[in-house]
N, C-alpha and C. Protein backbone atom coordinates (compact mmCIF):
# COMPACT_ATOMS: atom_id res chain seq x y z
N MET A 1 87.37 -0.72 131.36
CA MET A 1 86.15 0.13 131.54
C MET A 1 85.57 0.85 130.01
N LYS A 2 83.78 0.63 130.05
CA LYS A 2 83.79 1.07 128.52
C LYS A 2 83.51 2.22 129.05
N LYS A 3 83.47 3.15 128.03
CA LYS A 3 83.41 4.69 127.93
C LYS A 3 82.12 5.24 127.90
N THR A 4 81.67 6.24 128.98
CA THR A 4 80.58 6.67 128.70
C THR A 4 79.74 7.63 127.35
N ILE A 5 78.59 7.68 127.69
CA ILE A 5 78.26 8.30 126.43
C ILE A 5 78.46 9.23 125.88
N LEU A 6 78.28 10.21 127.10
CA LEU A 6 79.34 11.67 127.16
C LEU A 6 80.71 11.74 126.47
N LYS A 7 81.35 10.97 126.65
CA LYS A 7 82.96 10.75 126.30
C LYS A 7 82.51 10.18 124.83
N TYR A 8 81.95 9.42 124.90
CA TYR A 8 81.61 9.24 123.04
C TYR A 8 81.23 10.18 122.07
N LEU A 9 80.12 10.67 122.70
CA LEU A 9 79.95 12.10 121.53
C LEU A 9 81.18 13.06 121.55
N GLN A 10 81.55 13.19 122.80
CA GLN A 10 82.47 13.95 122.96
C GLN A 10 83.68 13.77 122.17
N LYS A 11 84.07 12.65 121.78
CA LYS A 11 85.01 11.90 120.97
C LYS A 11 84.67 11.77 118.90
N LYS A 12 83.18 11.92 119.41
CA LYS A 12 83.36 12.00 117.55
C LYS A 12 82.71 13.87 117.49
N GLY A 13 83.01 14.57 118.55
CA GLY A 13 82.50 16.11 117.72
C GLY A 13 81.50 16.77 118.15
N ILE A 14 80.62 15.82 118.37
CA ILE A 14 78.90 16.36 118.49
C ILE A 14 79.10 17.13 120.21
N PRO A 15 78.33 18.30 119.84
CA PRO A 15 78.65 19.49 120.92
C PRO A 15 77.36 18.86 121.88
N VAL A 16 77.52 18.83 123.37
CA VAL A 16 76.93 18.28 124.40
C VAL A 16 77.21 19.27 125.61
N ASN A 17 75.94 19.61 126.28
CA ASN A 17 76.25 20.63 127.29
C ASN A 17 76.55 20.14 128.45
N ALA A 18 77.79 20.32 128.76
CA ALA A 18 78.06 19.76 130.00
C ALA A 18 79.32 20.45 130.77
N VAL A 19 78.98 21.36 131.23
CA VAL A 19 79.28 22.23 132.18
C VAL A 19 80.18 21.74 132.89
N CYS A 20 80.31 20.58 133.86
CA CYS A 20 80.81 20.24 134.83
C CYS A 20 81.92 19.48 134.53
N GLY A 21 81.87 18.70 133.19
CA GLY A 21 83.03 17.85 132.44
C GLY A 21 82.69 16.88 132.69
N GLY A 22 81.77 16.47 132.79
CA GLY A 22 81.30 15.19 132.85
C GLY A 22 81.33 14.18 134.51
N ASN A 23 81.17 15.38 135.35
CA ASN A 23 81.78 14.98 136.82
C ASN A 23 80.39 14.62 137.45
N HIS A 24 79.19 14.44 136.67
CA HIS A 24 77.89 14.23 137.59
C HIS A 24 77.30 15.34 138.51
N LYS A 25 77.61 16.67 137.91
CA LYS A 25 77.42 18.03 138.98
C LYS A 25 76.11 18.71 138.44
N CYS A 26 76.30 18.95 137.54
CA CYS A 26 75.42 20.05 136.80
C CYS A 26 73.93 19.26 136.14
N GLY A 27 73.68 18.12 135.44
CA GLY A 27 72.45 17.84 135.21
C GLY A 27 72.29 18.34 133.94
N LYS A 28 72.90 18.82 133.05
CA LYS A 28 73.22 19.62 131.66
C LYS A 28 73.07 18.18 130.23
N CYS A 29 73.54 17.15 130.59
CA CYS A 29 73.88 16.43 129.48
C CYS A 29 73.12 15.21 129.27
N LEU A 30 71.61 16.09 128.92
CA LEU A 30 70.58 15.66 128.77
C LEU A 30 70.44 14.24 127.28
N VAL A 31 70.43 12.98 127.33
CA VAL A 31 70.44 12.13 126.12
C VAL A 31 68.94 11.15 126.30
N LYS A 32 68.70 10.96 125.28
CA LYS A 32 67.48 9.60 125.31
C LYS A 32 68.52 9.15 124.30
N THR A 33 68.08 7.50 125.04
CA THR A 33 68.43 6.47 123.79
C THR A 33 67.37 5.40 123.43
N GLU A 34 67.53 4.25 122.02
CA GLU A 34 66.28 3.69 121.97
C GLU A 34 66.22 2.60 122.89
N ARG A 35 67.39 2.20 123.66
CA ARG A 35 67.34 1.45 124.48
C ARG A 35 67.09 2.00 125.85
N ALA A 36 66.31 1.43 126.62
CA ALA A 36 65.83 1.95 128.09
C ALA A 36 67.31 1.84 129.03
N LEU A 37 67.36 3.07 129.64
CA LEU A 37 68.45 3.16 130.93
C LEU A 37 68.14 3.54 131.78
N PRO A 38 68.50 2.77 132.61
CA PRO A 38 67.98 2.54 133.97
C PRO A 38 68.32 4.32 134.60
N LEU A 39 67.03 4.58 135.94
CA LEU A 39 67.70 5.97 136.55
C LEU A 39 68.12 5.78 137.62
N ARG A 40 69.41 6.26 137.61
CA ARG A 40 70.40 6.05 138.88
C ARG A 40 69.98 7.04 139.87
N GLU A 41 70.23 6.55 140.85
CA GLU A 41 69.97 7.41 142.34
C GLU A 41 70.79 8.82 142.26
N GLU A 42 71.81 8.71 141.74
CA GLU A 42 72.52 9.88 141.37
C GLU A 42 71.79 10.81 140.33
N GLU A 43 70.97 10.56 139.13
CA GLU A 43 70.12 11.35 137.97
C GLU A 43 69.24 12.29 139.28
N ARG A 44 68.49 11.00 140.21
CA ARG A 44 67.21 11.65 140.82
C ARG A 44 67.44 13.17 141.20
N ARG A 45 68.43 13.34 141.73
CA ARG A 45 68.50 14.62 142.30
C ARG A 45 69.22 15.75 141.35
N LEU A 46 68.81 15.57 139.93
CA LEU A 46 69.71 16.46 139.05
C LEU A 46 68.51 16.51 137.80
N LEU A 47 67.44 15.04 137.65
CA LEU A 47 66.69 15.25 136.62
C LEU A 47 65.18 16.00 137.26
N SER A 48 64.68 16.38 136.39
CA SER A 48 63.26 16.68 137.34
C SER A 48 62.26 15.28 137.12
N ASP A 49 61.06 15.66 137.79
CA ASP A 49 60.43 14.19 137.44
C ASP A 49 59.87 14.07 135.93
N GLU A 50 59.59 15.07 135.41
CA GLU A 50 59.06 14.87 133.65
C GLU A 50 60.29 14.62 133.07
N GLN A 51 61.26 14.84 133.14
CA GLN A 51 62.52 14.49 132.02
C GLN A 51 62.51 13.04 132.46
N ALA A 52 62.68 12.53 133.86
CA ALA A 52 63.11 11.14 134.44
C ALA A 52 62.02 10.40 133.55
N GLU A 53 60.51 10.99 133.78
CA GLU A 53 59.39 10.09 133.34
C GLU A 53 59.34 10.09 131.38
N ARG A 54 59.97 11.04 130.72
CA ARG A 54 60.26 10.90 129.38
C ARG A 54 61.36 10.04 129.03
N GLY A 55 62.38 9.68 130.06
CA GLY A 55 63.39 8.84 129.57
C GLY A 55 64.32 9.20 129.22
N LEU A 56 64.64 10.81 129.54
CA LEU A 56 66.18 11.35 129.70
C LEU A 56 66.69 11.18 130.72
N ARG A 57 67.98 10.63 130.63
CA ARG A 57 69.10 10.28 130.98
C ARG A 57 70.41 11.07 130.88
N LEU A 58 71.12 11.45 131.93
CA LEU A 58 72.58 11.99 131.80
C LEU A 58 73.81 11.12 131.11
N ALA A 59 74.46 11.52 129.87
CA ALA A 59 75.67 11.06 129.08
C ALA A 59 76.63 10.72 129.92
N CYS A 60 76.97 11.39 131.18
CA CYS A 60 77.79 11.28 131.91
C CYS A 60 77.93 9.75 132.58
N MET A 61 76.64 9.59 132.89
CA MET A 61 76.22 8.12 134.23
C MET A 61 75.87 7.07 133.25
N HIS A 62 76.28 6.90 131.92
CA HIS A 62 75.79 5.60 131.27
C HIS A 62 76.86 5.49 130.24
N GLU A 63 77.14 4.17 129.86
CA GLU A 63 77.93 3.58 129.60
C GLU A 63 77.05 3.51 127.63
N TYR A 64 78.33 3.91 127.21
CA TYR A 64 77.93 3.50 125.40
C TYR A 64 77.90 2.06 125.22
N GLU A 65 77.29 1.55 124.33
CA GLU A 65 77.41 0.54 124.16
C GLU A 65 77.44 0.36 122.36
N GLU A 66 78.06 0.02 121.55
CA GLU A 66 78.18 -0.12 120.28
C GLU A 66 76.98 -0.18 119.63
N GLY A 67 76.40 0.59 119.01
CA GLY A 67 74.88 0.72 117.74
C GLY A 67 74.15 1.59 118.62
N ASP A 68 74.48 1.84 119.43
CA ASP A 68 73.37 2.70 120.80
C ASP A 68 72.98 3.98 119.60
N VAL A 69 71.50 4.32 119.52
CA VAL A 69 70.89 5.46 118.62
C VAL A 69 70.52 6.21 120.13
N ILE A 70 71.08 7.58 120.02
CA ILE A 70 71.34 8.33 121.14
C ILE A 70 70.37 10.07 120.15
N ALA A 71 69.57 10.16 121.13
CA ALA A 71 69.23 11.77 120.67
C ALA A 71 69.72 12.54 121.88
N VAL A 72 70.30 13.58 121.33
CA VAL A 72 70.91 14.47 122.37
C VAL A 72 70.75 15.89 122.51
N GLN A 73 70.23 16.55 123.73
CA GLN A 73 69.55 18.12 123.55
C GLN A 73 70.84 18.61 124.31
N SER A 74 70.69 19.53 122.56
CA SER A 74 71.65 20.45 122.56
C SER A 74 71.68 21.88 123.23
N ASP A 75 71.57 22.41 123.93
CA ASP A 75 71.77 23.84 124.35
C ASP A 75 72.82 24.45 123.47
N VAL A 76 73.58 24.07 123.26
CA VAL A 76 75.35 24.59 122.53
C VAL A 76 74.51 25.05 121.02
N MET A 77 74.17 24.24 120.28
CA MET A 77 73.78 24.35 118.67
C MET A 77 72.07 24.47 118.19
N LYS A 78 71.87 25.91 118.20
CA LYS A 78 70.61 25.66 117.87
C LYS A 78 70.27 25.73 116.40
N VAL A 79 69.20 24.86 116.40
CA VAL A 79 68.75 24.31 115.08
C VAL A 79 67.61 24.73 114.90
N GLU A 80 66.32 25.80 114.09
CA GLU A 80 65.38 25.95 113.77
C GLU A 80 64.87 24.85 113.66
N ASP A 81 63.59 24.50 113.13
CA ASP A 81 62.56 23.65 112.97
C ASP A 81 62.90 22.54 111.61
N SER A 82 64.24 23.41 110.86
CA SER A 82 64.22 22.25 109.64
C SER A 82 65.20 21.26 110.17
N LEU A 83 64.67 20.25 109.58
CA LEU A 83 66.13 19.17 109.54
C LEU A 83 67.46 19.40 109.09
N LYS A 84 68.60 18.96 110.19
CA LYS A 84 69.60 19.67 108.84
C LYS A 84 70.50 18.16 109.32
N ASP A 85 71.15 17.58 107.85
CA ASP A 85 72.10 16.71 108.03
C ASP A 85 73.55 17.02 107.76
N ASP A 86 74.98 17.08 108.20
CA ASP A 86 75.94 17.58 108.02
C ASP A 86 76.77 16.73 107.50
N ASN A 87 76.36 15.40 107.30
CA ASN A 87 77.33 14.28 106.81
C ASN A 87 78.20 13.66 107.99
N THR A 88 77.81 14.11 109.35
CA THR A 88 78.65 14.10 110.31
C THR A 88 77.91 12.25 110.85
N GLY A 89 76.86 11.62 110.34
CA GLY A 89 76.00 10.74 111.12
C GLY A 89 75.08 11.37 112.23
N TYR A 90 75.09 12.89 112.26
CA TYR A 90 73.93 12.97 113.50
C TYR A 90 73.18 14.47 112.85
N ARG A 91 71.95 14.28 113.18
CA ARG A 91 70.65 15.30 112.70
C ARG A 91 70.27 16.45 113.56
N TYR A 92 69.75 17.07 113.32
CA TYR A 92 69.26 18.13 114.45
C TYR A 92 68.35 18.53 114.13
N ARG A 93 67.33 18.51 115.50
CA ARG A 93 65.91 19.30 115.36
C ARG A 93 65.10 19.90 116.30
N ASP A 94 65.10 21.38 116.51
CA ASP A 94 64.26 21.82 117.60
C ASP A 94 65.04 21.37 118.93
N GLY A 95 65.96 21.72 118.95
CA GLY A 95 67.18 21.36 120.16
C GLY A 95 67.53 20.34 120.41
N TYR A 96 67.22 19.10 119.61
CA TYR A 96 67.65 17.59 119.87
C TYR A 96 68.23 17.61 119.17
N GLY A 97 69.63 16.69 118.83
CA GLY A 97 69.90 16.06 117.96
C GLY A 97 70.23 14.36 117.86
N LEU A 98 70.11 13.77 116.97
CA LEU A 98 69.76 12.26 116.99
C LEU A 98 70.93 11.97 116.34
N ILE A 99 71.59 10.71 116.97
CA ILE A 99 73.22 10.01 116.54
C ILE A 99 72.81 8.82 116.29
N THR A 100 73.50 7.97 115.41
CA THR A 100 72.73 6.94 115.12
C THR A 100 74.97 6.43 114.86
N ASP A 101 75.13 5.34 115.27
CA ASP A 101 76.01 4.40 115.14
C ASP A 101 75.67 3.30 114.48
N LEU A 102 76.17 2.82 113.08
CA LEU A 102 75.43 1.82 112.40
C LEU A 102 76.33 0.55 112.57
N GLY A 103 77.83 0.72 113.44
CA GLY A 103 78.75 -0.33 113.62
C GLY A 103 78.70 -1.44 112.34
N LYS A 104 79.40 -2.55 112.83
CA LYS A 104 79.33 -3.33 112.21
C LYS A 104 78.26 -4.23 111.64
N ASN A 105 77.46 -4.46 111.96
CA ASN A 105 75.83 -5.11 111.85
C ASN A 105 74.66 -4.29 110.99
N GLY A 106 75.05 -2.72 110.62
CA GLY A 106 73.99 -2.08 110.35
C GLY A 106 72.87 -1.68 111.87
N GLY A 107 72.09 -0.54 111.57
CA GLY A 107 71.26 -0.45 112.51
C GLY A 107 70.22 0.16 112.05
N SER A 108 69.65 0.25 113.30
CA SER A 108 68.25 0.75 112.84
C SER A 108 67.40 1.98 113.18
N ALA A 109 66.39 2.53 112.34
CA ALA A 109 65.96 3.74 112.52
C ALA A 109 65.16 4.15 113.45
N ALA A 110 65.25 5.57 114.16
CA ALA A 110 64.39 5.33 115.83
C ALA A 110 63.63 6.17 115.52
N GLN A 111 62.36 6.01 115.58
CA GLN A 111 61.44 6.83 115.54
C GLN A 111 60.23 7.69 117.04
N GLY A 112 60.37 8.47 116.84
CA GLY A 112 59.99 9.02 118.11
C GLY A 112 60.79 8.90 119.45
N LEU A 113 61.70 9.12 119.15
CA LEU A 113 62.73 8.97 120.32
C LEU A 113 62.20 9.76 121.41
N CYS A 114 62.33 11.17 120.79
CA CYS A 114 62.30 12.46 122.05
C CYS A 114 60.70 12.63 122.41
């Protein structure tokens, strides 16, 4: 079985609010990816209508695919209006982080992800 987006982010050391430990209970591990993720029935009870409509999904419920571009909502790391790049492959702005995995074949830039 592939790893979830949450497990991938945790392995990379990227802070994700997952107070339930990835057990599909808290609804805090909000992410958005460039590729459209289906809204799972389990997510419907944890996400607001607005979050679901914006394409936000729970990292604990979706598998990571190589090359995914992921925006992470971070309550853990507050970053003001400036964009910060700390050479780890992810950037934060206004409470969101953008993670790109270039993989073996390069990658693409994400625009307007959140």
